[in-house]
Amino acid sequence: ETFAAQGANAVVIGALRSDGTLDRAAMGEMIAAAGGIRITLHRAFDVCRDPFEALDQAKKLGIHTILTSGQKNSASAGRDLLKELTERAGDAIDIMAGGGVNAQVIRELAPYTGAHVFHMSGKITLDSRMEYRREGVNMGLPSLSEFEIWRTKAENIRAAREVLDSL
C-alpha cells in the first residue's frame, strides 16, 4: 500500500506455505494491497516445491513477472528450467532470469531460453580501506565480510544494455 501510494509502478513480493507451495491467500492480500500496480513474484519461487504449479497459480493471481534463477544458484545453472518456464509462460507472464546475470550470461541465455527480461546488480566487490582487521568478530551476518564493499559498476550495466540492444 505504501509503495503504491508513493507512486511506485511495481512491487516485488512472495510467500510460500510450509509445504513449499505458493501461499495464494497471502499473495492475494499483498496483490490487493498493491492497488493495481505491477507485481513481480520474487525468488521464493526458486525454493517452491513445483515450479510449474507455482507458475500456473501465479498466472491465476494476475502476477506480471516471476524473478527466478531456474531453481538453481545461478540463472546459467538453471537455464533448462528457465527455458521451459519461458515457453510455458507464453505471453501471460514474464520470466525474469536473475542470479549471477551479466552481459555474457544474457548473451548466452536469451537465445537459449527465449527470456527477454533479466535482473542483475552489475556489482563489483571492493576491498575496504580498513587496514586493521579484527578477525572473528562479525557485525552482521557471519557469511558477509566486514571488509568488502559492493558497488554497482556502470560499465557492467552498459555492457548488458549493449547485449540487450543487439538481440
C-alpha atoms as a PDB file:
ATOM      1  CA  GLU A   1       0.000   0.000   0.000  1.00  0.00           C
ATOM      2  CA  THR A   2       2.763   2.416   0.929  1.00  0.00           C
ATOM      3  CA  PHE A   3       4.717   1.859  -2.275  1.00  0.00           C
ATOM      4  CA  ALA A   4       1.608   2.237  -4.426  1.00  0.00           C
ATOM      5  CA  ALA A   5       0.600   5.383  -2.534  1.00  0.00           C
ATOM      6  CA  GLN A   6       4.063   6.850  -3.111  1.00  0.00           C
ATOM      7  CA  GLY A   7       3.809   6.315  -6.864  1.00  0.00           C
ATOM      8  CA  ALA A   8       5.687   3.045  -7.398  1.00  0.00           C
ATOM      9  CA  ASN A   9       4.664   1.310 -10.585  1.00  0.00           C
ATOM     10  CA  ALA A  10       5.576  -2.186  -9.347  1.00  0.00           C
ATOM     11  CA  VAL A  11       6.400  -4.218  -6.258  1.00  0.00           C
ATOM     12  CA  VAL A  12       8.273  -7.467  -5.722  1.00  0.00           C
ATOM     13  CA  ILE A  13       6.575  -9.869  -3.313  1.00  0.00           C
ATOM     14  CA  GLY A  14       6.402 -13.545  -2.498  1.00  0.00           C
ATOM     15  CA  ALA A  15       5.169 -16.020   0.081  1.00  0.00           C
ATOM     16  CA  LEU A  16       5.292 -19.791   0.356  1.00  0.00           C
ATOM     17  CA  ARG A  17       3.414 -22.130   2.632  1.00  0.00           C
ATOM     18  CA  SER A  18       5.364 -24.526   4.846  1.00  0.00           C
ATOM     19  CA  ASP A  19       4.736 -27.332   2.333  1.00  0.00           C
ATOM     20  CA  GLY A  20       6.599 -25.428  -0.397  1.00  0.00           C
ATOM     21  CA  THR A  21       3.535 -24.303  -2.333  1.00  0.00           C
ATOM     22  CA  LEU A  22       2.718 -20.718  -3.204  1.00  0.00           C
ATOM     23  CA  ASP A  23       0.728 -19.099  -0.401  1.00  0.00           C
ATOM     24  CA  ARG A  24      -2.122 -17.909  -2.591  1.00  0.00           C
ATOM     25  CA  ALA A  25      -4.027 -16.330   0.297  1.00  0.00           C
ATOM     26  CA  ALA A  26      -1.064 -14.215   1.438  1.00  0.00           C
ATOM     27  CA  MET A  27      -0.161 -13.369  -2.148  1.00  0.00           C
ATOM     28  CA  GLY A  28      -3.766 -12.331  -2.833  1.00  0.00           C
ATOM     29  CA  GLU A  29      -3.727  -9.993   0.153  1.00  0.00           C
ATOM     30  CA  MET A  30      -0.446  -8.396  -0.952  1.00  0.00           C
ATOM     31  CA  ILE A  31      -1.673  -8.039  -4.531  1.00  0.00           C
ATOM     32  CA  ALA A  32      -4.871  -6.387  -3.319  1.00  0.00           C
ATOM     33  CA  ALA A  33      -2.862  -4.044  -1.095  1.00  0.00           C
ATOM     34  CA  ALA A  34      -0.704  -3.074  -4.075  1.00  0.00           C
ATOM     35  CA  GLY A  35      -3.756  -1.447  -5.601  1.00  0.00           C
ATOM     36  CA  GLY A  36      -3.307  -2.388  -9.232  1.00  0.00           C
ATOM     37  CA  ILE A  37       0.413  -1.767  -9.745  1.00  0.00           C
ATOM     38  CA  ARG A  38       2.527  -4.423 -11.459  1.00  0.00           C
ATOM     39  CA  ILE A  39       3.524  -7.460  -9.385  1.00  0.00           C
ATOM     40  CA  THR A  40       6.728  -9.499  -9.555  1.00  0.00           C
ATOM     41  CA  LEU A  41       6.961 -12.788  -7.658  1.00  0.00           C
ATOM     42  CA  HIS A  42      10.443 -12.842  -6.111  1.00  0.00           C
ATOM     43  CA  ARG A  43      12.860 -15.718  -5.796  1.00  0.00           C
ATOM     44  CA  ALA A  44      10.734 -17.504  -3.218  1.00  0.00           C
ATOM     45  CA  PHE A  45       9.740 -19.170  -6.477  1.00  0.00           C
ATOM     46  CA  ASP A  46      13.203 -20.758  -6.578  1.00  0.00           C
ATOM     47  CA  VAL A  47      12.544 -22.768  -3.440  1.00  0.00           C
ATOM     48  CA  CYS A  48       8.945 -23.777  -4.165  1.00  0.00           C
ATOM     49  CA  ARG A  49       8.047 -27.449  -4.461  1.00  0.00           C
ATOM     50  CA  ASP A  50       6.688 -27.453  -8.022  1.00  0.00           C
ATOM     51  CA  PRO A  51       7.680 -24.570 -10.307  1.00  0.00           C
ATOM     52  CA  PHE A  52       5.040 -25.412 -12.923  1.00  0.00           C
ATOM     53  CA  GLU A  53       2.233 -25.463 -10.378  1.00  0.00           C
ATOM     54  CA  ALA A  54       3.521 -22.160  -8.972  1.00  0.00           C
ATOM     55  CA  LEU A  55       3.667 -20.696 -12.488  1.00  0.00           C
ATOM     56  CA  ASP A  56       0.041 -21.668 -13.095  1.00  0.00           C
ATOM     57  CA  GLN A  57      -1.002 -20.207  -9.753  1.00  0.00           C
ATOM     58  CA  ALA A  58       0.941 -17.002 -10.439  1.00  0.00           C
ATOM     59  CA  LYS A  59      -0.921 -16.627 -13.728  1.00  0.00           C
ATOM     60  CA  LYS A  60      -4.267 -17.059 -11.950  1.00  0.00           C
ATOM     61  CA  LEU A  61      -3.254 -14.466  -9.349  1.00  0.00           C
ATOM     62  CA  GLY A  62      -2.515 -11.952 -12.115  1.00  0.00           C
ATOM     63  CA  ILE A  63       1.212 -11.729 -11.397  1.00  0.00           C
ATOM     64  CA  HIS A  64       3.070  -9.987 -14.210  1.00  0.00           C
ATOM     65  CA  THR A  65       6.621 -11.294 -13.710  1.00  0.00           C
ATOM     66  CA  ILE A  66       8.440 -14.141 -11.952  1.00  0.00           C
ATOM     67  CA  LEU A  67      12.051 -13.466 -10.911  1.00  0.00           C
ATOM     68  CA  THR A  68      13.878 -16.790 -10.953  1.00  0.00           C
ATOM     69  CA  SER A  69      17.243 -18.433 -11.391  1.00  0.00           C
ATOM     70  CA  GLY A  70      15.531 -21.598 -12.594  1.00  0.00           C
ATOM     71  CA  GLN A  71      15.670 -23.085  -9.088  1.00  0.00           C
ATOM     72  CA  LYS A  72      19.480 -23.175  -9.129  1.00  0.00           C
ATOM     73  CA  ASN A  73      22.138 -20.941  -7.577  1.00  0.00           C
ATOM     74  CA  SER A  74      22.524 -19.025 -10.830  1.00  0.00           C
ATOM     75  CA  ALA A  75      20.490 -18.385 -13.945  1.00  0.00           C
ATOM     76  CA  SER A  76      23.183 -20.083 -16.021  1.00  0.00           C
ATOM     77  CA  ALA A  77      22.851 -23.261 -13.976  1.00  0.00           C
ATOM     78  CA  GLY A  78      19.046 -23.047 -14.168  1.00  0.00           C
ATOM     79  CA  ARG A  79      18.958 -22.459 -17.921  1.00  0.00           C
ATOM     80  CA  ASP A  80      16.922 -25.564 -18.775  1.00  0.00           C
ATOM     81  CA  LEU A  81      14.133 -24.749 -16.334  1.00  0.00           C
ATOM     82  CA  LEU A  82      14.231 -21.083 -17.401  1.00  0.00           C
ATOM     83  CA  LYS A  83      13.673 -22.217 -20.970  1.00  0.00           C
ATOM     84  CA  GLU A  84      10.753 -24.441 -20.041  1.00  0.00           C
ATOM     85  CA  LEU A  85       9.188 -21.775 -17.829  1.00  0.00           C
ATOM     86  CA  THR A  86       9.510 -19.150 -20.568  1.00  0.00           C
ATOM     87  CA  GLU A  87       7.849 -21.489 -23.061  1.00  0.00           C
ATOM     88  CA  ARG A  88       5.027 -22.394 -20.662  1.00  0.00           C
ATOM     89  CA  ALA A  89       4.510 -18.780 -19.578  1.00  0.00           C
ATOM     90  CA  GLY A  90       3.950 -17.590 -23.134  1.00  0.00           C
ATOM     91  CA  ASP A  91       2.639 -14.037 -23.229  1.00  0.00           C
ATOM     92  CA  ALA A  92       0.785 -14.413 -19.933  1.00  0.00           C
ATOM     93  CA  ILE A  93       3.694 -13.681 -17.608  1.00  0.00           C
ATOM     94  CA  ASP A  94       7.326 -12.596 -17.974  1.00  0.00           C
ATOM     95  CA  ILE A  95      10.055 -14.904 -16.714  1.00  0.00           C
ATOM     96  CA  MET A  96      12.856 -12.663 -15.425  1.00  0.00           C
ATOM     97  CA  ALA A  97      16.172 -14.509 -15.289  1.00  0.00           C
ATOM     98  CA  GLY A  98      18.197 -13.483 -12.242  1.00  0.00           C
ATOM     99  CA  GLY A  99      21.127 -14.770 -10.244  1.00  0.00           C
ATOM    100  CA  GLY A 100      24.666 -14.219 -11.477  1.00  0.00           C
ATOM    101  CA  VAL A 101      23.467 -12.330 -14.539  1.00  0.00           C
ATOM    102  CA  ASN A 102      25.903 -10.188 -16.502  1.00  0.00           C
ATOM    103  CA  ALA A 103      26.345  -9.251 -20.163  1.00  0.00           C
ATOM    104  CA  GLN A 104      27.845 -12.620 -21.108  1.00  0.00           C
ATOM    105  CA  VAL A 105      25.095 -14.546 -19.324  1.00  0.00           C
ATOM    106  CA  ILE A 106      22.445 -12.507 -21.143  1.00  0.00           C
ATOM    107  CA  ARG A 107      24.209 -13.207 -24.456  1.00  0.00           C
ATOM    108  CA  GLU A 108      24.061 -16.955 -23.739  1.00  0.00           C
ATOM    109  CA  LEU A 109      20.661 -17.230 -22.046  1.00  0.00           C
ATOM    110  CA  ALA A 110      18.488 -15.006 -24.228  1.00  0.00           C
ATOM    111  CA  PRO A 111      18.645 -17.145 -27.381  1.00  0.00           C
ATOM    112  CA  TYR A 112      18.620 -20.432 -25.459  1.00  0.00           C
ATOM    113  CA  THR A 113      15.747 -19.708 -23.078  1.00  0.00           C
ATOM    114  CA  GLY A 114      13.739 -17.170 -25.033  1.00  0.00           C
ATOM    115  CA  ALA A 115      13.792 -14.926 -21.960  1.00  0.00           C
ATOM    116  CA  HIS A 116      13.813 -11.208 -22.674  1.00  0.00           C
ATOM    117  CA  VAL A 117      13.741  -9.886 -19.109  1.00  0.00           C
ATOM    118  CA  PHE A 118      16.825 -10.036 -16.876  1.00  0.00           C
ATOM    119  CA  HIS A 119      17.733  -8.945 -13.346  1.00  0.00           C
ATOM    120  CA  MET A 120      21.282  -8.012 -12.424  1.00  0.00           C
ATOM    121  CA  SER A 121      23.165  -5.865  -9.965  1.00  0.00           C
ATOM    122  CA  GLY A 122      26.233  -5.213 -12.107  1.00  0.00           C
ATOM    123  CA  LYS A 123      28.158  -5.314  -8.877  1.00  0.00           C
ATOM    124  CA  ILE A 124      31.821  -5.498  -8.179  1.00  0.00           C
ATOM    125  CA  THR A 125      33.336  -6.258  -4.798  1.00  0.00           C
ATOM    126  CA  LEU A 126      35.840  -3.764  -3.482  1.00  0.00           C
ATOM    127  CA  ASP A 127      38.217  -4.216  -0.592  1.00  0.00           C
ATOM    128  CA  SER A 128      37.500  -1.761   2.208  1.00  0.00           C
ATOM    129  CA  ARG A 129      40.122   0.826   3.115  1.00  0.00           C
ATOM    130  CA  MET A 130      40.229  -0.545   6.646  1.00  0.00           C
ATOM    131  CA  GLU A 131      43.817  -1.629   7.324  1.00  0.00           C
ATOM    132  CA  TYR A 132      43.382  -3.036  10.809  1.00  0.00           C
ATOM    133  CA  ARG A 133      41.109  -6.049  10.750  1.00  0.00           C
ATOM    134  CA  ARG A 134      39.947  -7.819  13.857  1.00  0.00           C
ATOM    135  CA  GLU A 135      39.111 -11.302  12.719  1.00  0.00           C
ATOM    136  CA  GLY A 136      36.419 -13.411  14.313  1.00  0.00           C
ATOM    137  CA  VAL A 137      34.013 -10.559  15.095  1.00  0.00           C
ATOM    138  CA  ASN A 138      31.005 -10.200  12.821  1.00  0.00           C
ATOM    139  CA  MET A 139      28.994  -7.010  12.852  1.00  0.00           C
ATOM    140  CA  GLY A 140      26.161  -8.611  10.916  1.00  0.00           C
ATOM    141  CA  LEU A 141      25.801 -11.878   9.078  1.00  0.00           C
ATOM    142  CA  PRO A 142      28.771 -14.214   9.607  1.00  0.00           C
ATOM    143  CA  SER A 143      28.730 -15.105   5.901  1.00  0.00           C
ATOM    144  CA  LEU A 144      29.411 -11.489   4.871  1.00  0.00           C
ATOM    145  CA  SER A 145      32.846  -9.939   5.156  1.00  0.00           C
ATOM    146  CA  GLU A 146      33.150  -6.755   7.183  1.00  0.00           C
ATOM    147  CA  PHE A 147      35.911  -5.695   4.820  1.00  0.00           C
ATOM    148  CA  GLU A 148      34.182  -5.879   1.441  1.00  0.00           C
ATOM    149  CA  ILE A 149      32.068  -3.215  -0.207  1.00  0.00           C
ATOM    150  CA  TRP A 150      29.623  -3.966  -3.007  1.00  0.00           C
ATOM    151  CA  ARG A 151      29.181  -1.361  -5.725  1.00  0.00           C
ATOM    152  CA  THR A 152      27.296  -1.313  -8.998  1.00  0.00           C
ATOM    153  CA  LYS A 153      29.749  -0.737 -11.829  1.00  0.00           C
ATOM    154  CA  ALA A 154      28.319   1.438 -14.615  1.00  0.00           C
ATOM    155  CA  GLU A 155      30.375  -0.392 -17.240  1.00  0.00           C
ATOM    156  CA  ASN A 156      28.750  -3.701 -16.275  1.00  0.00           C
ATOM    157  CA  ILE A 157      25.311  -2.176 -16.767  1.00  0.00           C
ATOM    158  CA  ARG A 158      26.354  -0.543 -20.038  1.00  0.00           C
ATOM    159  CA  ALA A 159      27.714  -3.867 -21.359  1.00  0.00           C
ATOM    160  CA  ALA A 160      24.461  -5.638 -20.506  1.00  0.00           C
ATOM    161  CA  ARG A 161      22.458  -2.896 -22.223  1.00  0.00           C
ATOM    162  CA  GLU A 162      24.587  -3.263 -25.361  1.00  0.00           C
ATOM    163  CA  VAL A 163      23.926  -7.016 -25.438  1.00  0.00           C
ATOM    164  CA  LEU A 164      20.190  -6.480 -24.976  1.00  0.00           C
ATOM    165  CA  ASP A 165      20.140  -3.867 -27.742  1.00  0.00           C
ATOM    166  CA  SER A 166      21.932  -6.272 -30.091  1.00  0.00           C
ATOM    167  CA  LEU A 167      19.473  -9.138 -29.541  1.00  0.00           C
END
